[in-house]
């Protein structure tokens, strides 16, 4: 418990607030972690959408006569 009290005295009003990445950038570490999580999720959604589109064009499309694909 002594370490927490020392940190609280040292930081003063900033105690318990999220740290900034760099002093001149108005982004906190928590915000940067959320950004990474959102972009990672978006990338996976994009990958699955691209695979679904590819499967549709490659296998289902020729069955409907959309493209003449010869094997």
PDB file of N, CA and C in Angstrom:
ATOM      1  N   UNK A   1       0.819  -1.190   0.000  1.00  0.00           N
ATOM      2  CA  UNK A   1       0.000   0.000   0.000  1.00  0.00           C
ATOM      3  C   UNK A   1       0.863   1.254   0.000  1.00  0.00           C
ATOM      4  N   UNK A   2       2.082   1.176   0.468  1.00  0.00           N
ATOM      5  CA  UNK A   2       2.962   2.334   0.525  1.00  0.00           C
ATOM      6  C   UNK A   2       3.304   2.860  -0.855  1.00  0.00           C
ATOM      7  N   UNK A   3       3.481   1.967  -1.822  1.00  0.00           N
ATOM      8  CA  UNK A   3       3.811   2.375  -3.191  1.00  0.00           C
ATOM      9  C   UNK A   3       2.667   3.173  -3.815  1.00  0.00           C
ATOM     10  N   UNK A   4       1.441   2.762  -3.591  1.00  0.00           N
ATOM     11  CA  UNK A   4       0.284   3.467  -4.136  1.00  0.00           C
ATOM     12  C   UNK A   4       0.177   4.874  -3.536  1.00  0.00           C
ATOM     13  N   UNK A   5       0.425   4.993  -2.258  1.00  0.00           N
ATOM     14  CA  UNK A   5       0.364   6.315  -1.618  1.00  0.00           C
ATOM     15  C   UNK A   5       1.469   7.214  -2.158  1.00  0.00           C
ATOM     16  N   UNK A   6       2.663   6.669  -2.345  1.00  0.00           N
ATOM     17  CA  UNK A   6       3.771   7.454  -2.877  1.00  0.00           C
ATOM     18  C   UNK A   6       3.451   7.947  -4.280  1.00  0.00           C
ATOM     19  N   UNK A   7       2.891   7.056  -5.115  1.00  0.00           N
ATOM     20  CA  UNK A   7       2.530   7.459  -6.484  1.00  0.00           C
ATOM     21  C   UNK A   7       1.447   8.532  -6.471  1.00  0.00           C
ATOM     22  N   UNK A   8       0.467   8.381  -5.578  1.00  0.00           N
ATOM     23  CA  UNK A   8      -0.617   9.356  -5.493  1.00  0.00           C
ATOM     24  C   UNK A   8      -0.085  10.725  -5.101  1.00  0.00           C
ATOM     25  N   UNK A   9       0.835  10.763  -4.159  1.00  0.00           N
ATOM     26  CA  UNK A   9       1.432  12.033  -3.744  1.00  0.00           C
ATOM     27  C   UNK A   9       2.282  12.621  -4.869  1.00  0.00           C
ATOM     28  N   UNK A  10       2.996  11.771  -5.580  1.00  0.00           N
ATOM     29  CA  UNK A  10       3.890  12.237  -6.641  1.00  0.00           C
ATOM     30  C   UNK A  10       3.099  12.777  -7.837  1.00  0.00           C
ATOM     31  N   UNK A  11       2.021  12.097  -8.235  1.00  0.00           N
ATOM     32  CA  UNK A  11       1.262  12.503  -9.418  1.00  0.00           C
ATOM     33  C   UNK A  11       0.242  13.598  -9.128  1.00  0.00           C
ATOM     34  N   UNK A  12      -0.229  13.669  -7.922  1.00  0.00           N
ATOM     35  CA  UNK A  12      -1.180  14.718  -7.561  1.00  0.00           C
ATOM     36  C   UNK A  12      -2.506  14.559  -8.286  1.00  0.00           C
ATOM     37  N   UNK A  13      -2.925  15.593  -9.043  1.00  0.00           N
ATOM     38  CA  UNK A  13      -4.222  15.568  -9.738  1.00  0.00           C
ATOM     39  C   UNK A  13      -4.252  14.574 -10.884  1.00  0.00           C
ATOM     40  N   UNK A  14      -3.099  14.181 -11.402  1.00  0.00           N
ATOM     41  CA  UNK A  14      -3.052  13.243 -12.528  1.00  0.00           C
ATOM     42  C   UNK A  14      -3.163  11.784 -12.099  1.00  0.00           C
ATOM     43  N   UNK A  15      -3.272  11.534 -10.799  1.00  0.00           N
ATOM     44  CA  UNK A  15      -3.362  10.154 -10.307  1.00  0.00           C
ATOM     45  C   UNK A  15      -4.650   9.496 -10.783  1.00  0.00           C
ATOM     46  N   UNK A  16      -4.528   8.314 -11.362  1.00  0.00           N
ATOM     47  CA  UNK A  16      -5.680   7.558 -11.819  1.00  0.00           C
ATOM     48  C   UNK A  16      -6.093   7.877 -13.245  1.00  0.00           C
ATOM     49  N   UNK A  17      -5.476   8.888 -13.861  1.00  0.00           N
ATOM     50  CA  UNK A  17      -5.784   9.227 -15.248  1.00  0.00           C
ATOM     51  C   UNK A  17      -4.925   8.391 -16.175  1.00  0.00           C
ATOM     52  N   UNK A  18      -5.435   8.166 -17.368  1.00  0.00           N
ATOM     53  CA  UNK A  18      -4.712   7.400 -18.374  1.00  0.00           C
ATOM     54  C   UNK A  18      -3.485   8.186 -18.852  1.00  0.00           C
ATOM     55  N   UNK A  19      -2.362   7.488 -19.015  1.00  0.00           N
ATOM     56  CA  UNK A  19      -1.141   8.141 -19.484  1.00  0.00           C
ATOM     57  C   UNK A  19      -1.225   8.476 -20.954  1.00  0.00           C
ATOM     58  N   UNK A  20      -0.589   9.583 -21.346  1.00  0.00           N
ATOM     59  CA  UNK A  20      -0.514   9.928 -22.757  1.00  0.00           C
ATOM     60  C   UNK A  20       0.636   9.163 -23.393  1.00  0.00           C
ATOM     61  N   UNK A  21       0.506   8.912 -24.701  1.00  0.00           N
ATOM     62  CA  UNK A  21       1.558   8.200 -25.413  1.00  0.00           C
ATOM     63  C   UNK A  21       2.817   9.061 -25.440  1.00  0.00           C
ATOM     64  N   UNK A  22       2.666  10.276 -25.920  1.00  0.00           N
ATOM     65  CA  UNK A  22       3.729  11.268 -25.930  1.00  0.00           C
ATOM     66  C   UNK A  22       3.133  12.579 -25.430  1.00  0.00           C
ATOM     67  N   UNK A  23       3.915  13.413 -24.806  1.00  0.00           N
ATOM     68  CA  UNK A  23       3.352  14.643 -24.229  1.00  0.00           C
ATOM     69  C   UNK A  23       2.666  15.554 -25.240  1.00  0.00           C
ATOM     70  N   UNK A  24       3.140  15.595 -26.472  1.00  0.00           N
ATOM     71  CA  UNK A  24       2.576  16.518 -27.469  1.00  0.00           C
ATOM     72  C   UNK A  24       1.474  15.877 -28.322  1.00  0.00           C
ATOM     73  N   UNK A  25       1.172  14.600 -28.098  1.00  0.00           N
ATOM     74  CA  UNK A  25       0.095  13.920 -28.824  1.00  0.00           C
ATOM     75  C   UNK A  25      -1.075  13.731 -27.854  1.00  0.00           C
ATOM     76  N   UNK A  26      -2.263  14.242 -28.208  1.00  0.00           N
ATOM     77  CA  UNK A  26      -3.390  14.164 -27.266  1.00  0.00           C
ATOM     78  C   UNK A  26      -4.105  12.810 -27.279  1.00  0.00           C
ATOM     79  N   UNK A  27      -3.364  11.726 -27.349  1.00  0.00           N
ATOM     80  CA  UNK A  27      -3.941  10.386 -27.305  1.00  0.00           C
ATOM     81  C   UNK A  27      -3.401   9.645 -26.090  1.00  0.00           C
ATOM     82  N   UNK A  28      -4.309   8.916 -25.436  1.00  0.00           N
ATOM     83  CA  UNK A  28      -3.885   8.143 -24.273  1.00  0.00           C
ATOM     84  C   UNK A  28      -3.593   6.706 -24.688  1.00  0.00           C
ATOM     85  N   UNK A  29      -2.963   5.988 -23.806  1.00  0.00           N
ATOM     86  CA  UNK A  29      -2.654   4.587 -24.091  1.00  0.00           C
ATOM     87  C   UNK A  29      -3.926   3.761 -24.246  1.00  0.00           C
ATOM     88  N   UNK A  30      -4.936   4.057 -23.476  1.00  0.00           N
ATOM     89  CA  UNK A  30      -6.213   3.346 -23.589  1.00  0.00           C
ATOM     90  C   UNK A  30      -6.859   3.572 -24.951  1.00  0.00           C
ATOM     91  N   UNK A  31      -6.801   4.806 -25.440  1.00  0.00           N
ATOM     92  CA  UNK A  31      -7.357   5.107 -26.761  1.00  0.00           C
ATOM     93  C   UNK A  31      -6.589   4.383 -27.856  1.00  0.00           C
ATOM     94  N   UNK A  32      -5.273   4.300 -27.706  1.00  0.00           N
ATOM     95  CA  UNK A  32      -4.479   3.613 -28.728  1.00  0.00           C
ATOM     96  C   UNK A  32      -4.767   2.113 -28.723  1.00  0.00           C
ATOM     97  N   UNK A  33      -5.001   1.534 -27.563  1.00  0.00           N
ATOM     98  CA  UNK A  33      -5.347   0.112 -27.491  1.00  0.00           C
ATOM     99  C   UNK A  33      -6.705  -0.150 -28.139  1.00  0.00           C
ATOM    100  N   UNK A  34      -7.670   0.746 -27.933  1.00  0.00           N
ATOM    101  CA  UNK A  34      -8.981   0.601 -28.567  1.00  0.00           C
ATOM    102  C   UNK A  34      -8.854   0.717 -30.083  1.00  0.00           C
ATOM    103  N   UNK A  35      -8.013   1.643 -30.556  1.00  0.00           N
ATOM    104  CA  UNK A  35      -7.808   1.817 -31.993  1.00  0.00           C
ATOM    105  C   UNK A  35      -7.231   0.552 -32.612  1.00  0.00           C
ATOM    106  N   UNK A  36      -6.257  -0.040 -31.957  1.00  0.00           N
ATOM    107  CA  UNK A  36      -5.657  -1.272 -32.466  1.00  0.00           C
ATOM    108  C   UNK A  36      -6.688  -2.394 -32.492  1.00  0.00           C
ATOM    109  N   UNK A  37      -7.513  -2.493 -31.458  1.00  0.00           N
ATOM    110  CA  UNK A  37      -8.542  -3.535 -31.416  1.00  0.00           C
ATOM    111  C   UNK A  37      -9.553  -3.351 -32.553  1.00  0.00           C
ATOM    112  N   UNK A  38     -10.005  -2.121 -32.784  1.00  0.00           N
ATOM    113  CA  UNK A  38     -10.977  -1.856 -33.855  1.00  0.00           C
ATOM    114  C   UNK A  38     -10.393  -2.156 -35.223  1.00  0.00           C
ATOM    115  N   UNK A  39      -9.151  -1.720 -35.465  1.00  0.00           N
ATOM    116  CA  UNK A  39      -8.556  -1.940 -36.784  1.00  0.00           C
ATOM    117  C   UNK A  39      -8.268  -3.412 -37.023  1.00  0.00           C
ATOM    118  N   UNK A  40      -7.895  -4.144 -35.988  1.00  0.00           N
ATOM    119  CA  UNK A  40      -7.674  -5.580 -36.129  1.00  0.00           C
ATOM    120  C   UNK A  40      -8.980  -6.288 -36.468  1.00  0.00           C
ATOM    121  N   UNK A  41     -10.042  -5.936 -35.782  1.00  0.00           N
ATOM    122  CA  UNK A  41     -11.347  -6.531 -36.059  1.00  0.00           C
ATOM    123  C   UNK A  41     -11.796  -6.175 -37.476  1.00  0.00           C
ATOM    124  N   UNK A  42     -11.597  -4.941 -37.878  1.00  0.00           N
ATOM    125  CA  UNK A  42     -11.962  -4.531 -39.230  1.00  0.00           C
ATOM    126  C   UNK A  42     -11.180  -5.273 -40.295  1.00  0.00           C
ATOM    127  N   UNK A  43      -9.900  -5.524 -40.024  1.00  0.00           N
ATOM    128  CA  UNK A  43      -9.077  -6.271 -40.981  1.00  0.00           C
ATOM    129  C   UNK A  43      -9.593  -7.697 -41.143  1.00  0.00           C
ATOM    130  N   UNK A  44      -9.948  -8.343 -40.046  1.00  0.00           N
ATOM    131  CA  UNK A  44     -10.475  -9.712 -40.133  1.00  0.00           C
ATOM    132  C   UNK A  44     -11.808  -9.748 -40.870  1.00  0.00           C
ATOM    133  N   UNK A  45     -12.658  -8.764 -40.635  1.00  0.00           N
ATOM    134  CA  UNK A  45     -13.937  -8.697 -41.351  1.00  0.00           C
ATOM    135  C   UNK A  45     -13.671  -8.535 -42.842  1.00  0.00           C
ATOM    136  N   UNK A  46     -12.712  -7.690 -43.202  1.00  0.00           N
ATOM    137  CA  UNK A  46     -12.357  -7.500 -44.602  1.00  0.00           C
ATOM    138  C   UNK A  46     -11.807  -8.760 -45.244  1.00  0.00           C
ATOM    139  N   UNK A  47     -10.998  -9.498 -44.510  1.00  0.00           N
ATOM    140  CA  UNK A  47     -10.436 -10.750 -45.039  1.00  0.00           C
ATOM    141  C   UNK A  47     -11.554 -11.756 -45.311  1.00  0.00           C
ATOM    142  N   UNK A  48     -12.478 -11.921 -44.360  1.00  0.00           N
ATOM    143  CA  UNK A  48     -13.582 -12.861 -44.555  1.00  0.00           C
ATOM    144  C   UNK A  48     -14.501 -12.430 -45.695  1.00  0.00           C
ATOM    145  N   UNK A  49     -14.726 -11.127 -45.826  1.00  0.00           N
ATOM    146  CA  UNK A  49     -15.561 -10.634 -46.926  1.00  0.00           C
ATOM    147  C   UNK A  49     -14.887 -10.904 -48.269  1.00  0.00           C
ATOM    148  N   UNK A  50     -13.571 -10.718 -48.330  1.00  0.00           N
ATOM    149  CA  UNK A  50     -12.843 -10.970 -49.571  1.00  0.00           C
ATOM    150  C   UNK A  50     -12.882 -12.453 -49.939  1.00  0.00           C
ATOM    151  N   UNK A  51     -12.754 -13.337 -48.971  1.00  0.00           N
ATOM    152  CA  UNK A  51     -12.820 -14.779 -49.235  1.00  0.00           C
ATOM    153  C   UNK A  51     -14.224 -15.160 -49.709  1.00  0.00           C
ATOM    154  N   UNK A  52     -15.250 -14.598 -49.078  1.00  0.00           N
ATOM    155  CA  UNK A  52     -16.624 -14.896 -49.487  1.00  0.00           C
ATOM    156  C   UNK A  52     -16.878 -14.414 -50.915  1.00  0.00           C
ATOM    157  N   UNK A  53     -16.397 -13.227 -51.250  1.00  0.00           N
ATOM    158  CA  UNK A  53     -16.552 -12.712 -52.611  1.00  0.00           C
ATOM    159  C   UNK A  53     -15.803 -13.588 -53.603  1.00  0.00           C
ATOM    160  N   UNK A  54     -14.589 -13.990 -53.249  1.00  0.00           N
ATOM    161  CA  UNK A  54     -13.804 -14.838 -54.146  1.00  0.00           C
ATOM    162  C   UNK A  54     -14.504 -16.171 -54.385  1.00  0.00           C
ATOM    163  N   UNK A  55     -15.034 -16.794 -53.322  1.00  0.00           N
ATOM    164  CA  UNK A  55     -15.743 -18.060 -53.472  1.00  0.00           C
ATOM    165  C   UNK A  55     -16.973 -17.891 -54.360  1.00  0.00           C
ATOM    166  N   UNK A  56     -17.674 -16.784 -54.186  1.00  0.00           N
ATOM    167  CA  UNK A  56     -18.854 -16.535 -55.004  1.00  0.00           C
ATOM    168  C   UNK A  56     -18.483 -16.392 -56.471  1.00  0.00           C
ATOM    169  N   UNK A  57     -17.484 -15.593 -56.747  1.00  0.00           N
ATOM    170  CA  UNK A  57     -17.077 -15.356 -58.134  1.00  0.00           C
ATOM    171  C   UNK A  57     -16.482 -16.618 -58.750  1.00  0.00           C
ATOM    172  N   UNK A  58     -15.699 -17.339 -58.001  1.00  0.00           N
ATOM    173  CA  UNK A  58     -14.952 -18.478 -58.549  1.00  0.00           C
ATOM    174  C   UNK A  58     -15.823 -19.714 -58.746  1.00  0.00           C
ATOM    175  N   UNK A  59     -16.691 -20.019 -57.799  1.00  0.00           N
ATOM    176  CA  UNK A  59     -17.427 -21.276 -57.847  1.00  0.00           C
ATOM    177  C   UNK A  59     -18.922 -21.109 -58.132  1.00  0.00           C
ATOM    178  N   UNK A  60     -19.566 -20.160 -57.522  1.00  0.00           N
ATOM    179  CA  UNK A  60     -21.006 -20.006 -57.695  1.00  0.00           C
ATOM    180  C   UNK A  60     -21.321 -19.253 -58.982  1.00  0.00           C
ATOM    181  N   UNK A  61     -20.528 -18.249 -59.309  1.00  0.00           N
ATOM    182  CA  UNK A  61     -20.749 -17.442 -60.506  1.00  0.00           C
ATOM    183  C   UNK A  61     -20.808 -18.248 -61.792  1.00  0.00           C
ATOM    184  N   UNK A  62     -19.859 -19.121 -62.061  1.00  0.00           N
ATOM    185  CA  UNK A  62     -19.924 -19.905 -63.295  1.00  0.00           C
ATOM    186  C   UNK A  62     -21.152 -20.813 -63.367  1.00  0.00           C
ATOM    187  N   UNK A  63     -21.661 -21.251 -62.246  1.00  0.00           N
ATOM    188  CA  UNK A  63     -22.857 -22.086 -62.232  1.00  0.00           C
ATOM    189  C   UNK A  63     -24.081 -21.341 -62.736  1.00  0.00           C
ATOM    190  N   UNK A  64     -24.111 -20.046 -62.559  1.00  0.00           N
ATOM    191  CA  UNK A  64     -25.205 -19.231 -63.054  1.00  0.00           C
ATOM    192  C   UNK A  64     -24.932 -18.680 -64.448  1.00  0.00           C
ATOM    193  N   UNK A  65     -23.782 -19.014 -65.006  1.00  0.00           N
ATOM    194  CA  UNK A  65     -23.448 -18.562 -66.342  1.00  0.00           C
ATOM    195  C   UNK A  65     -22.949 -17.126 -66.399  1.00  0.00           C
ATOM    196  N   UNK A  66     -22.446 -16.623 -65.286  1.00  0.00           N
ATOM    197  CA  UNK A  66     -21.955 -15.252 -65.274  1.00  0.00           C
ATOM    198  C   UNK A  66     -20.675 -15.107 -66.073  1.00  0.00           C
ATOM    199  N   UNK A  67     -19.798 -16.105 -65.968  1.00  0.00           N
ATOM    200  CA  UNK A  67     -18.532 -16.075 -66.679  1.00  0.00           C
ATOM    201  C   UNK A  67     -18.291 -17.452 -67.278  1.00  0.00           C
ATOM    202  N   UNK A  68     -17.664 -17.500 -68.412  1.00  0.00           N
ATOM    203  CA  UNK A  68     -17.263 -18.764 -68.998  1.00  0.00           C
ATOM    204  C   UNK A  68     -15.873 -19.097 -68.493  1.00  0.00           C
ATOM    205  N   UNK A  69     -15.803 -20.001 -67.557  1.00  0.00           N
ATOM    206  CA  UNK A  69     -14.524 -20.398 -66.996  1.00  0.00           C
ATOM    207  C   UNK A  69     -14.247 -21.811 -67.430  1.00  0.00           C
ATOM    208  N   UNK A  70     -13.109 -22.015 -68.074  1.00  0.00           N
ATOM    209  CA  UNK A  70     -12.732 -23.360 -68.508  1.00  0.00           C
ATOM    210  C   UNK A  70     -11.628 -23.875 -67.606  1.00  0.00           C
ATOM    211  N   UNK A  71     -11.762 -25.103 -67.230  1.00  0.00           N
ATOM    212  CA  UNK A  71     -10.748 -25.727 -66.367  1.00  0.00           C
ATOM    213  C   UNK A  71      -9.814 -26.579 -67.154  1.00  0.00           C
TER     214      UNK A  71
END
